[in-house]
């Protein structure tokens, strides 16, 4: 009797190291996303409602500033130490929120918290690039991003539940505990950099050519334009949810992230087969639809439809841009190339958060304007993709 084939078979690259890294990423992304839905109300309770746009923009500012350093260190001292630095920062800052419960202290901690995502994702992407064959790169990044997306979905939902049943400090301590577990898993990984060096203070100085990797400017620009919408979402969705009468402000984040899970692996495989640019064209077009749907949402149902489209867009764009960046990068400077991509990511999210917070100013009638502007940036990215040189379009297929 012949047994039927399984519906899904884990690919060969998904070994013990890959699985440990993926679970660690799930915990890492869960830890700081647990806080996102509750931070606007927490800041407002201290009298800082006018600073709502800084919650995300300060976080992304330091993440972006630290990227050139994390990229250089990932290429010098190794991928695992860079990942550990980010997770340890995440754990430490979560423990400090209850101790600095003032507007100034809160904003300082948001600034410092950004170092966590400035380091860990850079090391993670470089690690995956080291261990996965070129022809499976999009698929591998898509599969890994499933775990990160699950963390982004579970974090806000869990954080909203904790905040509804316990004091806010319990939420901060829970976030620290989750990121601590992530750090423990990272200590079980073997280093993939062939010849890691000992840490030197000179590694913290940067020449001009060590800040930006010019080879990956095109995917980085596309990412920056596309994730302007993400900054808007992170800043205003808690406000939109409250305006529509939703009790759990994390529900939107759970829906969009879960919807992204359904497409990430398929998008990664499609970009391996058909190229990165066509998949990104679909992603930016879908992002425009998402922003328009959310802009005019007058019910919870309409908002959830927008969350699904937003999840599809992020699910297509995230692994595809990462794979395209690695394709174009010099193998000896993968850390720098990925740092450049993440600088663009943080810049786009930070600008989206800052602009949306500044335009919104507590007036729900401005939702269509703010989300409409975010959709416009996605349109610019969509149009720019048609101007990508043919050599960069085909490199992902012919290399």
Protein backbone atom coordinates (compact mmCIF):
# COMPACT_ATOMS: atom_id res chain seq x y z
CA UNK A 1 0.00 0.00 0.00
CA UNK A 2 1.48 3.33 -1.07
CA UNK A 3 1.34 6.12 1.47
CA UNK A 4 0.10 9.48 0.27
CA UNK A 5 2.61 12.30 0.09
CA UNK A 6 2.49 14.86 2.91
CA UNK A 7 0.82 18.17 2.06
CA UNK A 8 3.88 20.05 3.27
CA UNK A 9 7.45 18.82 3.59
CA UNK A 10 10.05 20.87 5.46
CA UNK A 11 12.77 21.92 2.99
CA UNK A 12 16.32 20.65 3.42
CA UNK A 13 17.64 24.00 4.63
CA UNK A 14 15.26 23.92 7.64
CA UNK A 15 17.73 22.13 9.94
CA UNK A 16 18.08 22.45 13.71
CA UNK A 17 19.93 25.78 13.47
CA UNK A 18 17.30 27.27 11.16
CA UNK A 19 14.46 26.14 13.44
CA UNK A 20 16.14 27.52 16.59
CA UNK A 21 16.73 30.84 14.85
CA UNK A 22 13.11 30.97 13.66
CA UNK A 23 11.68 30.26 17.12
CA UNK A 24 14.01 32.87 18.61
CA UNK A 25 12.75 35.39 16.05
CA UNK A 26 9.15 34.54 16.96
CA UNK A 27 9.88 35.33 20.61
CA UNK A 28 11.90 38.46 19.79
CA UNK A 29 9.19 40.00 17.61
CA UNK A 30 6.51 39.00 20.11
CA UNK A 31 8.34 40.75 22.94
CA UNK A 32 8.41 44.33 21.67
CA UNK A 33 5.17 44.08 19.67
CA UNK A 34 3.34 43.16 22.89
CA UNK A 35 3.72 46.80 23.90
CA UNK A 36 2.64 48.56 20.70
CA UNK A 37 -1.19 48.64 21.17
CA UNK A 38 -1.00 49.94 24.74
CA UNK A 39 1.76 52.53 24.47
CA UNK A 40 -0.38 55.41 23.07
CA UNK A 41 -2.80 55.17 25.99
CA UNK A 42 0.10 54.75 28.44
CA UNK A 43 1.78 57.90 27.14
CA UNK A 44 -1.54 59.79 27.19
CA UNK A 45 -2.08 58.77 30.82
CA UNK A 46 1.13 60.66 31.67
CA UNK A 47 -0.09 63.74 29.80
CA UNK A 48 1.96 63.15 26.66
CA UNK A 49 -0.73 62.63 24.02
CA UNK A 50 0.87 65.25 21.76
CA UNK A 51 3.95 63.02 21.49
CA UNK A 52 2.11 59.98 20.11
CA UNK A 53 3.98 60.19 16.80
CA UNK A 54 7.30 59.78 18.64
CA UNK A 55 6.42 56.33 20.02
CA UNK A 56 7.37 54.67 16.75
CA UNK A 57 9.59 57.33 15.19
CA UNK A 58 12.05 57.44 18.12
CA UNK A 59 12.24 53.64 18.09
CA UNK A 60 12.95 53.54 14.38
CA UNK A 61 15.41 56.45 14.57
CA UNK A 62 17.86 54.57 16.77
CA UNK A 63 17.24 51.37 14.86
CA UNK A 64 18.28 53.16 11.68
CA UNK A 65 21.26 54.90 13.29
CA UNK A 66 22.59 51.60 14.62
CA UNK A 67 22.27 49.68 11.34
CA UNK A 68 25.67 50.64 9.86
CA UNK A 69 27.34 49.50 13.09
CA UNK A 70 25.40 46.24 13.28
CA UNK A 71 26.15 45.53 9.62
CA UNK A 72 29.89 46.11 10.09
CA UNK A 73 29.98 44.07 13.29
CA UNK A 74 28.05 41.20 11.67
CA UNK A 75 30.77 41.05 8.99
CA UNK A 76 33.60 41.27 11.56
CA UNK A 77 32.73 39.62 14.89
CA UNK A 78 29.94 37.36 13.66
CA UNK A 79 26.19 37.03 13.16
CA UNK A 80 25.29 35.51 16.55
CA UNK A 81 26.89 38.21 18.78
CA UNK A 82 25.06 40.91 16.83
CA UNK A 83 21.74 39.12 17.27
CA UNK A 84 22.40 38.70 21.00
CA UNK A 85 23.15 42.40 21.50
CA UNK A 86 19.75 43.33 20.10
CA UNK A 87 17.82 40.82 22.19
CA UNK A 88 19.64 41.79 25.40
CA UNK A 89 18.82 45.46 24.78
CA UNK A 90 15.17 44.51 24.24
CA UNK A 91 15.06 42.63 27.55
CA UNK A 92 16.78 45.38 29.51
CA UNK A 93 14.63 48.25 28.23
CA UNK A 94 11.38 46.40 28.94
CA UNK A 95 12.49 46.06 32.56
CA UNK A 96 13.21 49.80 32.76
CA UNK A 97 9.81 51.11 31.58
CA UNK A 98 8.23 50.81 35.06
CA UNK A 99 11.21 52.63 36.63
CA UNK A 100 11.11 55.69 34.33
CA UNK A 101 7.38 56.41 34.33
CA UNK A 102 7.59 60.02 33.15
CA UNK A 103 7.14 61.51 29.70
CA UNK A 104 10.84 62.26 29.35
CA UNK A 105 11.86 58.87 30.70
CA UNK A 106 9.42 57.06 28.44
CA UNK A 107 10.65 58.86 25.31
CA UNK A 108 14.27 58.15 26.28
CA UNK A 109 13.50 54.45 26.63
CA UNK A 110 11.70 54.37 23.26
CA UNK A 111 14.84 55.92 21.76
CA UNK A 112 17.09 53.28 23.36
CA UNK A 113 14.68 50.41 22.64
CA UNK A 114 15.27 50.89 18.92
CA UNK A 115 18.79 49.49 19.22
CA UNK A 116 17.21 46.05 19.58
CA UNK A 117 15.78 45.97 16.07
CA UNK A 118 18.86 47.78 14.81
CA UNK A 119 20.96 44.74 15.62
CA UNK A 120 19.01 41.47 15.77
CA UNK A 121 17.32 41.41 12.31
CA UNK A 122 20.60 42.39 10.59
CA UNK A 123 22.42 39.42 12.10
CA UNK A 124 19.46 37.13 11.45
CA UNK A 125 19.21 37.88 7.72
CA UNK A 126 22.97 37.54 7.26
CA UNK A 127 22.88 34.19 9.10
CA UNK A 128 20.16 32.86 6.79
CA UNK A 129 22.04 34.07 3.71
CA UNK A 130 25.08 32.14 4.92
CA UNK A 131 23.33 28.79 5.29
CA UNK A 132 20.76 28.74 2.45
CA UNK A 133 21.54 28.10 -1.27
CA UNK A 134 20.94 31.02 -3.62
CA UNK A 135 18.13 29.29 -5.52
CA UNK A 136 16.18 28.75 -2.26
CA UNK A 137 16.87 32.14 -0.69
CA UNK A 138 13.45 33.69 -1.25
CA UNK A 139 11.73 30.57 0.05
CA UNK A 140 13.97 30.45 3.13
CA UNK A 141 13.42 34.09 3.99
CA UNK A 142 9.70 33.61 3.43
CA UNK A 143 9.60 30.60 5.77
CA UNK A 144 11.61 32.38 8.45
CA UNK A 145 9.40 35.43 8.18
CA UNK A 146 6.41 33.22 8.98
CA UNK A 147 7.80 32.87 12.50
CA UNK A 148 8.54 36.59 12.76
CA UNK A 149 5.02 37.34 11.54
CA UNK A 150 3.50 34.96 14.06
CA UNK A 151 5.37 36.91 16.71
CA UNK A 152 4.04 40.18 15.34
CA UNK A 153 0.53 38.73 15.50
CA UNK A 154 0.79 37.01 18.86
CA UNK A 155 2.57 39.92 20.54
CA UNK A 156 -0.13 42.63 20.21
CA UNK A 157 -2.95 40.16 20.90
CA UNK A 158 -1.21 38.84 24.03
CA UNK A 159 -0.23 42.33 25.11
CA UNK A 160 -3.81 43.55 24.75
CA UNK A 161 -5.06 40.62 26.83
CA UNK A 162 -2.47 41.19 29.58
CA UNK A 163 -3.24 44.92 29.72
CA UNK A 164 -6.95 44.16 30.05
CA UNK A 165 -6.42 41.82 33.02
CA UNK A 166 -3.35 43.17 34.84
CA UNK A 167 -1.49 46.43 35.58
CA UNK A 168 0.66 47.86 32.80
CA UNK A 169 3.87 46.93 34.61
CA UNK A 170 2.98 43.24 34.25
CA UNK A 171 2.96 43.80 30.49
CA UNK A 172 6.46 45.29 30.60
CA UNK A 173 7.81 42.41 32.70
CA UNK A 174 6.15 39.86 30.41
CA UNK A 175 7.80 41.49 27.39
CA UNK A 176 11.19 41.19 29.11
CA UNK A 177 10.61 37.52 29.92
CA UNK A 178 9.72 36.67 26.32
CA UNK A 179 12.81 38.41 24.89
CA UNK A 180 14.94 36.66 27.52
CA UNK A 181 13.79 33.30 26.18
CA UNK A 182 14.76 34.48 22.69
CA UNK A 183 18.29 35.20 23.92
CA UNK A 184 18.62 31.74 25.43
CA UNK A 185 17.86 30.11 22.07
CA UNK A 186 20.41 32.28 20.28
CA UNK A 187 23.16 30.97 22.55
CA UNK A 188 22.56 27.50 21.03
CA UNK A 189 23.42 28.62 17.48
CA UNK A 190 26.79 27.95 15.86
CA UNK A 191 28.49 30.93 14.23
CA UNK A 192 28.43 30.99 10.40
CA UNK A 193 30.94 33.75 9.71
CA UNK A 194 34.05 31.82 8.51
CA UNK A 195 36.65 33.78 10.48
CA UNK A 196 35.06 35.95 13.19
CA UNK A 197 37.40 38.49 14.80
CA UNK A 198 37.66 39.64 18.38
CA UNK A 199 35.77 42.81 19.17
CA UNK A 200 37.83 45.98 18.76
CA UNK A 201 36.87 49.58 19.46
CA UNK A 202 37.98 50.44 15.93
CA UNK A 203 35.00 48.45 14.64
CA UNK A 204 32.75 51.19 16.03
CA UNK A 205 34.22 53.79 13.71
CA UNK A 206 32.74 54.07 10.24
CA UNK A 207 34.17 55.31 6.97
CA UNK A 208 31.80 56.85 4.45
CA UNK A 209 31.80 53.73 2.30
CA UNK A 210 30.84 51.58 5.30
CA UNK A 211 27.54 53.33 5.99
CA UNK A 212 25.60 52.63 2.78
CA UNK A 213 26.01 49.74 0.31
CA UNK A 214 25.37 51.36 -3.07
CA UNK A 215 24.68 48.04 -4.79
CA UNK A 216 21.36 47.70 -2.94
CA UNK A 217 19.97 51.23 -3.25
CA UNK A 218 17.08 50.20 -5.52
CA UNK A 219 15.51 47.58 -3.23
CA UNK A 220 16.17 49.85 -0.26
CA UNK A 221 14.34 52.78 -1.88
CA UNK A 222 11.37 50.60 -2.77
CA UNK A 223 11.22 49.36 0.80
CA UNK A 224 11.39 52.86 2.28
CA UNK A 225 8.50 54.07 0.13
CA UNK A 226 6.38 50.99 0.83
CA UNK A 227 6.80 50.90 4.61
CA UNK A 228 5.80 54.55 5.05
CA UNK A 229 2.38 52.91 5.33
CA UNK A 230 3.65 50.65 8.11
CA UNK A 231 4.65 53.65 10.21
CA UNK A 232 1.19 55.11 9.71
CA UNK A 233 -0.41 51.80 10.71
CA UNK A 234 1.67 51.41 13.87
CA UNK A 235 0.89 54.95 14.98
CA UNK A 236 -2.79 55.33 14.15
CA UNK A 237 -4.43 51.91 14.13
CA UNK A 238 -4.85 51.96 17.94
CA UNK A 239 -6.66 55.29 17.47
CA UNK A 240 -8.76 53.99 14.57
CA UNK A 241 -9.65 50.90 16.59
CA UNK A 242 -10.77 53.00 19.56
CA UNK A 243 -12.75 55.30 17.24
CA UNK A 244 -14.65 52.30 15.86
CA UNK A 245 -15.34 50.95 19.36
CA UNK A 246 -12.92 47.99 19.38
CA UNK A 247 -11.90 46.91 22.89
CA UNK A 248 -8.83 44.91 21.89
CA UNK A 249 -6.56 47.33 20.04
CA UNK A 250 -4.30 44.47 19.02
CA UNK A 251 -6.92 42.73 16.86
CA UNK A 252 -5.96 44.61 13.68
CA UNK A 253 -2.32 43.61 14.14
CA UNK A 254 -3.28 39.99 14.67
CA UNK A 255 -5.45 39.90 11.53
CA UNK A 256 -2.94 41.60 9.23
CA UNK A 257 -0.07 39.45 10.46
CA UNK A 258 -2.00 36.20 10.16
CA UNK A 259 -3.09 37.15 6.65
CA UNK A 260 0.55 37.76 5.74
CA UNK A 261 1.34 34.20 6.81
CA UNK A 262 -0.83 32.81 4.02
CA UNK A 263 1.28 34.45 1.34
CA UNK A 264 4.86 34.81 2.61
CA UNK A 265 6.09 31.36 1.61
CA UNK A 266 4.33 31.54 -1.75
CA UNK A 267 5.74 35.00 -2.40
CA UNK A 268 9.26 33.82 -1.57
CA UNK A 269 8.98 30.90 -3.97
CA UNK A 270 7.46 33.12 -6.67
CA UNK A 271 10.33 35.61 -6.37
CA UNK A 272 12.84 32.75 -6.71
CA UNK A 273 11.12 31.60 -9.89
CA UNK A 274 9.87 34.77 -11.60
CA UNK A 275 12.11 37.46 -10.13
CA UNK A 276 11.88 39.96 -7.30
CA UNK A 277 10.47 42.95 -9.22
CA UNK A 278 7.17 41.37 -10.41
CA UNK A 279 6.36 40.23 -6.87
CA UNK A 280 7.11 43.69 -5.50
CA UNK A 281 4.88 45.27 -8.12
CA UNK A 282 2.04 43.13 -6.80
CA UNK A 283 2.95 44.02 -3.22
CA UNK A 284 2.95 47.80 -3.74
CA UNK A 285 -0.32 47.68 -5.69
CA UNK A 286 -1.91 45.70 -2.87
CA UNK A 287 -0.56 48.20 -0.34
CA UNK A 288 -2.37 51.01 -2.17
CA UNK A 289 -5.64 49.09 -1.95
CA UNK A 290 -5.06 48.47 1.76
CA UNK A 291 -4.45 52.13 2.56
CA UNK A 292 -7.55 53.28 0.67
CA UNK A 293 -9.69 50.64 2.38
CA UNK A 294 -8.50 51.69 5.83
CA UNK A 295 -8.77 55.39 4.99
CA UNK A 296 -12.52 55.13 4.47
CA UNK A 297 -13.32 52.30 6.90
CA UNK A 298 -16.51 53.13 8.78
CA UNK A 299 -16.96 49.76 10.47
CA UNK A 300 -14.88 47.09 12.18
CA UNK A 301 -15.53 44.76 9.23
CA UNK A 302 -14.13 47.27 6.72
CA UNK A 303 -11.09 47.83 8.93
CA UNK A 304 -10.44 44.09 9.08
CA UNK A 305 -10.68 43.87 5.28
CA UNK A 306 -8.01 46.57 5.13
CA UNK A 307 -5.94 44.54 7.60
CA UNK A 308 -6.10 41.51 5.30
CA UNK A 309 -4.92 43.52 2.26
CA UNK A 310 -2.18 45.12 4.36
CA UNK A 311 -1.05 41.67 5.50
CA UNK A 312 -0.90 40.44 1.89
CA UNK A 313 1.21 43.45 0.90
CA UNK A 314 3.67 43.06 3.78
CA UNK A 315 3.80 39.29 3.27
CA UNK A 316 4.83 39.71 -0.36
CA UNK A 317 7.25 42.61 0.14
CA UNK A 318 9.21 41.56 3.21
CA UNK A 319 10.96 38.32 2.09
CA UNK A 320 11.22 39.55 -1.51
CA UNK A 321 13.08 42.77 -0.69
CA UNK A 322 15.41 40.88 1.68
CA UNK A 323 16.19 38.26 -0.96
CA UNK A 324 16.74 40.93 -3.65
CA UNK A 325 19.11 42.81 -1.34
CA UNK A 326 21.18 39.68 -0.70
CA UNK A 327 21.19 38.90 -4.44
CA UNK A 328 22.79 42.23 -5.27
CA UNK A 329 25.20 42.36 -2.34
CA UNK A 330 28.89 41.55 -2.33
CA UNK A 331 29.24 38.29 -0.40
CA UNK A 332 31.90 39.85 1.83
CA UNK A 333 29.61 42.73 2.77
CA UNK A 334 26.26 41.07 3.30
CA UNK A 335 25.95 42.62 6.74
CA UNK A 336 26.47 46.11 5.30
CA UNK A 337 23.98 45.49 2.49
CA UNK A 338 21.33 44.25 4.90
CA UNK A 339 22.05 47.17 7.21
CA UNK A 340 21.40 49.52 4.27
CA UNK A 341 18.09 47.79 3.60
CA UNK A 342 17.11 48.07 7.26
CA UNK A 343 18.12 51.74 7.38
CA UNK A 344 15.61 52.27 4.58
CA UNK A 345 13.06 50.23 6.51
CA UNK A 346 13.45 52.27 9.68
CA UNK A 347 13.51 55.55 7.74
CA UNK A 348 10.25 54.71 6.00
CA UNK A 349 8.51 53.54 9.18
CA UNK A 350 9.84 56.47 11.18
CA UNK A 351 8.73 59.05 8.61
CA UNK A 352 5.33 57.40 8.34
CA UNK A 353 4.91 57.50 12.11
CA UNK A 354 6.13 61.08 12.46
CA UNK A 355 4.08 62.50 9.58
CA UNK A 356 0.91 60.62 10.51
CA UNK A 357 1.15 61.66 14.17
CA UNK A 358 1.74 65.27 13.17
CA UNK A 359 -1.18 65.34 10.72
CA UNK A 360 -3.61 63.43 12.92
CA UNK A 361 -3.40 65.50 16.11
CA UNK A 362 -6.31 63.68 17.73
CA UNK A 363 -8.79 64.42 14.91
CA UNK A 364 -10.45 61.27 13.48
CA UNK A 365 -11.79 63.20 10.51
CA UNK A 366 -8.21 63.31 9.22
CA UNK A 367 -7.92 59.53 8.86
CA UNK A 368 -8.66 59.61 5.08
CA UNK A 369 -5.99 62.28 4.54
CA UNK A 370 -3.30 60.49 6.53
CA UNK A 371 -3.87 57.01 5.07
CA UNK A 372 -4.32 58.51 1.61
CA UNK A 373 -0.83 60.01 1.82
CA UNK A 374 0.54 56.61 2.85
CA UNK A 375 -1.14 55.07 -0.19
CA UNK A 376 0.46 57.71 -2.42
CA UNK A 377 3.96 56.64 -1.33
CA UNK A 378 3.09 53.07 -2.28
CA UNK A 379 2.01 54.35 -5.70
CA UNK A 380 5.40 56.03 -6.14
CA UNK A 381 7.11 52.72 -5.30
CA UNK A 382 4.88 50.87 -7.79
CA UNK A 383 5.76 53.29 -10.61
CA UNK A 384 9.49 53.29 -9.76
CA UNK A 385 9.65 49.51 -10.07
CA UNK A 386 9.01 49.84 -13.80
CA UNK A 387 12.19 51.91 -14.06
CA UNK A 388 14.51 49.29 -12.52
CA UNK A 389 17.39 48.49 -14.93
CA UNK A 390 17.04 45.22 -16.80
CA UNK A 391 20.35 43.97 -15.38
CA UNK A 392 18.99 44.13 -11.82
CA UNK A 393 15.71 42.55 -12.85
CA UNK A 394 17.40 39.49 -14.38
CA UNK A 395 20.22 39.05 -11.89
CA UNK A 396 17.92 37.20 -9.49
CA UNK A 397 17.11 34.71 -12.23
CA UNK A 398 20.40 34.22 -14.06
CA UNK A 399 23.02 34.43 -11.34
